[in-house]
Amino acid sequence: MTLRPSLVGPMVLAGAIVVFLLAAPVVVLVARAAGFSTLAAALADPAVRSAFGLTLACATVATGLGALVAVPLGYLLARHEFVGKRWLEGLLDLPVVIPHPVAGIAILLVFSRAAPLGHAATAMGLPVVGTPLGIVICMLFVSLPLLVAGAREGFALVDPRLEAMARTLGVGPLEAAVRITLPLAARAILSGAVLMWARAASEFGAVAIVTYNPKVAPVLVYERFTTYGLPGALPPAALLVLVALVMFVALRGLARPVPGAR
């Protein structure tokens, strides 16, 4: 399909505006960070290394735990109709529209030491508030729907008749789903996992309320800004942007069709 010449100009202008709005703040941020301090010097800061290490570890754990429930749930949503499905889909969309400080307050009400569940977890030696476990729970809350959505879309694109054909050959329903459908949906699931990981690593609002200390990278950036202003906040902020950029480049690589694939 070829665009009319009269439409090319407005579309190029719209694209240029979008690119400027998205790229200009990132480019200026990284450039200004290099002016105040090199990224290598920021990485030499023990507080920065600790915050980034904690962020990467918690985001990875949250994504791994999320995959255990998101993939089966995505399959269920893609393949079956059941009572309450629309309510469940609405619930999955809720973290997208809830302000994340509100999400942190909600999590605090469930997992604080004064709450029954939080008290029981603390009694078992698994306190949530002020611990890495609390960070993982916050990350799961805000980012898990992204992996569910990726898995659901991936499974929905696989023709159910492939499973039905496998079952006529004596393969059970679970084995057909694992051996036939899961590999075909793997690219979409991996894309969803990368999105979940990146969203988890960037979470601030909920984590700041549930677990301000130990600090993850977004909380450290905020603290450096409130304490030292822009010169203190720019180096870790630039590092965080670069990490997110790398992850989203990886996402696009996963989402790109394999040459020769149908």
Protein backbone atom coordinates (compact mmCIF):
# COMPACT_ATOMS: atom_id res chain seq x y z
CA MET A 1 0.00 0.00 0.00
CA THR A 2 1.40 3.37 -1.06
CA LEU A 3 0.54 6.54 0.81
CA ARG A 4 -0.82 9.50 -1.05
CA PRO A 5 1.82 12.23 -1.46
CA SER A 6 -0.46 14.68 0.33
CA LEU A 7 -0.37 12.47 3.45
CA VAL A 8 3.39 11.94 3.60
CA GLY A 9 4.22 15.44 4.84
CA PRO A 10 1.77 15.51 7.79
CA MET A 11 2.78 11.98 8.82
CA VAL A 12 6.49 12.81 8.69
CA LEU A 13 5.82 15.94 10.76
CA ALA A 14 3.82 13.91 13.32
CA GLY A 15 6.62 11.34 13.50
CA ALA A 16 9.24 14.05 13.95
CA ILE A 17 7.26 15.58 16.83
CA VAL A 18 6.95 12.19 18.53
CA VAL A 19 10.66 11.44 18.10
CA PHE A 20 11.58 14.86 19.50
CA LEU A 21 9.29 14.52 22.52
CA LEU A 22 10.68 11.07 23.34
CA ALA A 23 14.32 11.45 22.35
CA ALA A 24 15.14 15.00 23.44
CA PRO A 25 14.73 14.45 27.21
CA VAL A 26 16.75 11.20 27.07
CA VAL A 27 19.57 12.70 24.98
CA VAL A 28 19.79 15.80 27.17
CA LEU A 29 19.72 13.68 30.34
CA VAL A 30 22.61 11.47 29.22
CA ALA A 31 24.59 14.43 27.88
CA ARG A 32 24.13 16.47 31.06
CA ALA A 33 25.07 13.47 33.20
CA ALA A 34 28.34 13.18 31.33
CA GLY A 35 28.96 16.87 32.01
CA PHE A 36 28.54 16.53 35.78
CA SER A 37 30.19 13.16 36.26
CA THR A 38 31.06 10.18 34.12
CA LEU A 39 28.87 7.10 34.27
CA ALA A 40 31.92 5.11 35.31
CA ALA A 41 32.33 7.35 38.34
CA ALA A 42 28.68 6.82 39.20
CA LEU A 43 29.17 3.06 39.05
CA ALA A 44 32.11 3.43 41.43
CA ASP A 45 29.71 4.80 44.05
CA PRO A 46 28.89 1.92 46.46
CA ALA A 47 25.35 3.26 47.01
CA VAL A 48 24.69 3.32 43.26
CA ARG A 49 26.08 -0.20 42.77
CA SER A 50 24.01 -1.49 45.67
CA ALA A 51 20.81 0.16 44.43
CA PHE A 52 21.26 -1.07 40.87
CA GLY A 53 22.20 -4.56 42.00
CA LEU A 54 19.11 -4.74 44.19
CA THR A 55 16.94 -3.40 41.38
CA LEU A 56 18.21 -5.90 38.81
CA ALA A 57 17.96 -8.82 41.24
CA CYS A 58 14.45 -8.01 42.46
CA ALA A 59 13.18 -7.34 38.93
CA THR A 60 14.60 -10.68 37.78
CA VAL A 61 13.06 -12.56 40.71
CA ALA A 62 9.71 -10.84 40.16
CA THR A 63 9.75 -11.72 36.46
CA GLY A 64 10.67 -15.34 37.17
CA LEU A 65 7.94 -15.72 39.76
CA GLY A 66 5.50 -13.89 37.51
CA ALA A 67 6.15 -16.27 34.63
CA LEU A 68 5.05 -19.22 36.78
CA VAL A 69 1.53 -17.82 37.01
CA ALA A 70 1.31 -15.46 34.02
CA VAL A 71 1.93 -18.09 31.34
CA PRO A 72 -0.80 -20.52 32.52
CA LEU A 73 -3.19 -17.62 33.09
CA GLY A 74 -2.44 -16.21 29.64
CA TYR A 75 -3.23 -19.61 28.11
CA LEU A 76 -6.48 -19.80 30.06
CA LEU A 77 -7.56 -16.33 28.91
CA ALA A 78 -6.64 -17.04 25.30
CA ARG A 79 -8.29 -20.44 25.02
CA HIS A 80 -11.29 -20.55 27.33
CA GLU A 81 -14.44 -18.63 28.21
CA PHE A 82 -15.57 -18.82 31.82
CA VAL A 83 -17.74 -17.00 34.31
CA GLY A 84 -15.99 -13.89 35.60
CA LYS A 85 -13.46 -13.72 32.75
CA ARG A 86 -14.21 -10.06 32.00
CA TRP A 87 -13.86 -9.19 35.69
CA LEU A 88 -10.51 -10.95 35.78
CA GLU A 89 -9.33 -9.08 32.68
CA GLY A 90 -10.47 -5.82 34.27
CA LEU A 91 -8.55 -6.68 37.43
CA LEU A 92 -5.43 -7.29 35.35
CA ASP A 93 -5.80 -3.83 33.83
CA LEU A 94 -6.21 -2.16 37.22
CA PRO A 95 -2.50 -1.66 38.06
CA VAL A 96 -2.16 0.37 34.84
CA VAL A 97 -4.64 3.01 35.99
CA ILE A 98 -4.03 3.03 39.75
CA PRO A 99 -1.49 5.71 40.82
CA HIS A 100 1.44 3.72 42.08
CA PRO A 101 1.70 5.43 45.47
CA VAL A 102 -1.90 4.28 45.94
CA ALA A 103 -0.81 0.77 44.95
CA GLY A 104 1.91 0.97 47.60
CA ILE A 105 -0.62 1.98 50.25
CA ALA A 106 -2.88 -0.91 49.24
CA ILE A 107 0.02 -3.37 49.45
CA LEU A 108 0.99 -1.92 52.81
CA LEU A 109 -2.52 -2.51 54.16
CA VAL A 110 -2.27 -6.20 53.23
CA PHE A 111 1.35 -6.93 54.15
CA SER A 112 2.16 -4.59 57.03
CA ARG A 113 3.02 -6.20 60.34
CA ALA A 114 -0.34 -5.06 61.71
CA ALA A 115 -2.28 -6.89 58.98
CA PRO A 116 -3.07 -10.59 59.46
CA LEU A 117 -1.17 -11.73 56.37
CA GLY A 118 1.79 -9.48 57.07
CA HIS A 119 1.88 -10.58 60.70
CA ALA A 120 1.85 -14.24 59.66
CA ALA A 121 4.64 -13.66 57.14
CA THR A 122 6.73 -11.87 59.76
CA ALA A 123 6.16 -14.72 62.21
CA MET A 124 7.52 -17.12 59.58
CA GLY A 125 10.62 -14.98 59.18
CA LEU A 126 9.44 -13.37 55.92
CA PRO A 127 8.70 -9.73 56.76
CA VAL A 128 7.53 -7.71 53.77
CA VAL A 129 7.78 -4.05 54.74
CA GLY A 130 11.30 -2.69 54.49
CA THR A 131 12.74 -5.83 52.86
CA PRO A 132 13.61 -7.04 49.34
CA LEU A 133 10.53 -9.27 49.54
CA GLY A 134 8.41 -6.13 49.72
CA ILE A 135 10.18 -4.76 46.65
CA VAL A 136 9.45 -7.96 44.72
CA ILE A 137 5.77 -7.86 45.71
CA CYS A 138 5.46 -4.24 44.57
CA MET A 139 7.16 -5.07 41.29
CA LEU A 140 4.84 -8.02 40.75
CA PHE A 141 1.78 -5.88 41.37
CA VAL A 142 2.65 -3.18 38.87
CA SER A 143 4.26 -5.29 36.13
CA LEU A 144 2.70 -8.77 36.15
CA PRO A 145 -0.21 -7.77 33.85
CA LEU A 146 2.31 -7.03 31.08
CA LEU A 147 3.53 -10.62 31.05
CA VAL A 148 -0.02 -11.98 31.25
CA ALA A 149 -0.97 -9.83 28.26
CA GLY A 150 2.07 -10.98 26.29
CA ALA A 151 1.33 -14.64 27.00
CA ARG A 152 -2.36 -14.22 26.19
CA GLU A 153 -1.62 -12.56 22.86
CA GLY A 154 1.00 -15.16 22.00
CA PHE A 155 -1.32 -18.08 22.71
CA ALA A 156 -4.21 -16.39 20.88
CA LEU A 157 -2.10 -16.23 17.70
CA VAL A 158 -1.53 -20.01 17.70
CA ASP A 159 -4.18 -21.94 15.77
CA PRO A 160 -6.09 -24.17 18.25
CA ARG A 161 -6.43 -26.75 15.50
CA LEU A 162 -2.75 -27.61 15.93
CA GLU A 163 -3.49 -28.79 19.46
CA ALA A 164 -6.58 -30.62 18.28
CA MET A 165 -4.53 -32.39 15.62
CA ALA A 166 -1.94 -33.42 18.18
CA ARG A 167 -4.65 -34.80 20.43
CA THR A 168 -5.98 -37.00 17.62
CA LEU A 169 -2.51 -38.58 17.63
CA GLY A 170 -2.87 -39.55 21.28
CA VAL A 171 -1.21 -36.52 22.89
CA GLY A 172 -2.89 -35.30 26.09
CA PRO A 173 -4.21 -31.73 26.46
CA LEU A 174 -1.38 -30.57 28.74
CA GLU A 175 1.32 -32.17 26.63
CA ALA A 176 -0.16 -30.64 23.46
CA ALA A 177 -0.17 -27.20 25.06
CA VAL A 178 3.43 -27.55 26.27
CA ARG A 179 4.93 -29.21 23.20
CA ILE A 180 2.94 -27.50 20.44
CA THR A 181 1.49 -24.18 21.56
CA LEU A 182 4.08 -22.98 24.06
CA PRO A 183 7.06 -23.01 21.63
CA LEU A 184 4.99 -21.17 19.00
CA ALA A 185 3.99 -18.51 21.55
CA ALA A 186 7.46 -18.25 23.08
CA ARG A 187 8.45 -15.06 21.22
CA ALA A 188 5.42 -13.14 22.51
CA ILE A 189 5.96 -14.53 26.02
CA LEU A 190 9.60 -13.46 25.99
CA SER A 191 8.59 -10.00 24.80
CA GLY A 192 6.09 -9.78 27.66
CA ALA A 193 8.77 -10.92 30.09
CA VAL A 194 11.16 -8.21 28.92
CA LEU A 195 8.41 -5.61 29.28
CA MET A 196 7.61 -6.89 32.77
CA TRP A 197 11.27 -6.84 33.78
CA ALA A 198 11.79 -3.30 32.52
CA ARG A 199 8.59 -2.05 34.16
CA ALA A 200 9.53 -3.73 37.44
CA ALA A 201 13.03 -2.25 37.39
CA SER A 202 11.61 1.26 36.89
CA GLU A 203 9.00 1.11 39.67
CA PHE A 204 9.20 3.94 42.21
CA GLY A 205 5.87 4.89 43.78
CA ALA A 206 4.80 1.60 45.32
CA VAL A 207 8.33 0.61 46.35
CA ALA A 208 9.00 3.97 48.02
CA ILE A 209 6.01 3.43 50.30
CA VAL A 210 6.51 -0.25 51.12
CA THR A 211 10.32 -0.44 51.14
CA TYR A 212 12.13 2.89 51.04
CA ASN A 213 15.18 1.18 52.47
CA PRO A 214 17.04 -0.76 51.13
CA LYS A 215 16.91 1.51 48.10
CA VAL A 216 16.27 0.47 44.53
CA ALA A 217 17.64 2.64 41.72
CA PRO A 218 14.53 4.84 41.15
CA VAL A 219 14.30 5.59 44.88
CA LEU A 220 18.02 6.41 44.96
CA VAL A 221 17.58 8.83 42.03
CA TYR A 222 14.74 10.56 43.86
CA GLU A 223 16.71 10.80 47.08
CA ARG A 224 19.77 12.17 45.30
CA PHE A 225 17.59 14.78 43.58
CA THR A 226 15.93 15.94 46.81
CA THR A 227 19.26 16.01 48.65
CA TYR A 228 21.78 17.20 46.07
CA GLY A 229 19.65 18.53 43.21
CA LEU A 230 20.33 17.80 39.56
CA PRO A 231 24.11 17.26 39.86
CA GLY A 232 23.58 14.40 42.31
CA ALA A 233 20.63 12.82 40.53
CA LEU A 234 21.78 12.93 36.91
CA PRO A 235 24.44 10.15 36.87
CA PRO A 236 22.23 7.39 38.39
CA ALA A 237 19.26 8.68 36.38
CA ALA A 238 21.24 8.36 33.16
CA LEU A 239 22.32 4.84 34.10
CA LEU A 240 18.71 3.89 34.71
CA VAL A 241 17.67 5.27 31.32
CA LEU A 242 20.48 3.36 29.58
CA VAL A 243 19.48 0.10 31.28
CA ALA A 244 15.86 0.62 30.17
CA LEU A 245 17.02 1.41 26.64
CA VAL A 246 19.07 -1.77 26.43
CA MET A 247 16.11 -3.83 27.63
CA PHE A 248 13.73 -2.32 25.09
CA VAL A 249 16.22 -2.83 22.27
CA ALA A 250 16.29 -6.47 23.38
CA LEU A 251 12.49 -6.47 23.34
CA ARG A 252 12.39 -5.29 19.73
CA GLY A 253 14.91 -7.95 18.80
CA LEU A 254 12.70 -10.64 20.31
CA ALA A 255 9.61 -9.26 18.64
CA ARG A 256 11.19 -9.10 15.16
CA PRO A 257 10.03 -11.98 12.95
CA VAL A 258 12.61 -14.59 12.08
CA PRO A 259 13.65 -14.29 8.41
CA GLY A 260 11.88 -16.92 6.36
CA ALA A 261 9.28 -17.60 9.07
CA ARG A 262 5.65 -17.61 8.05
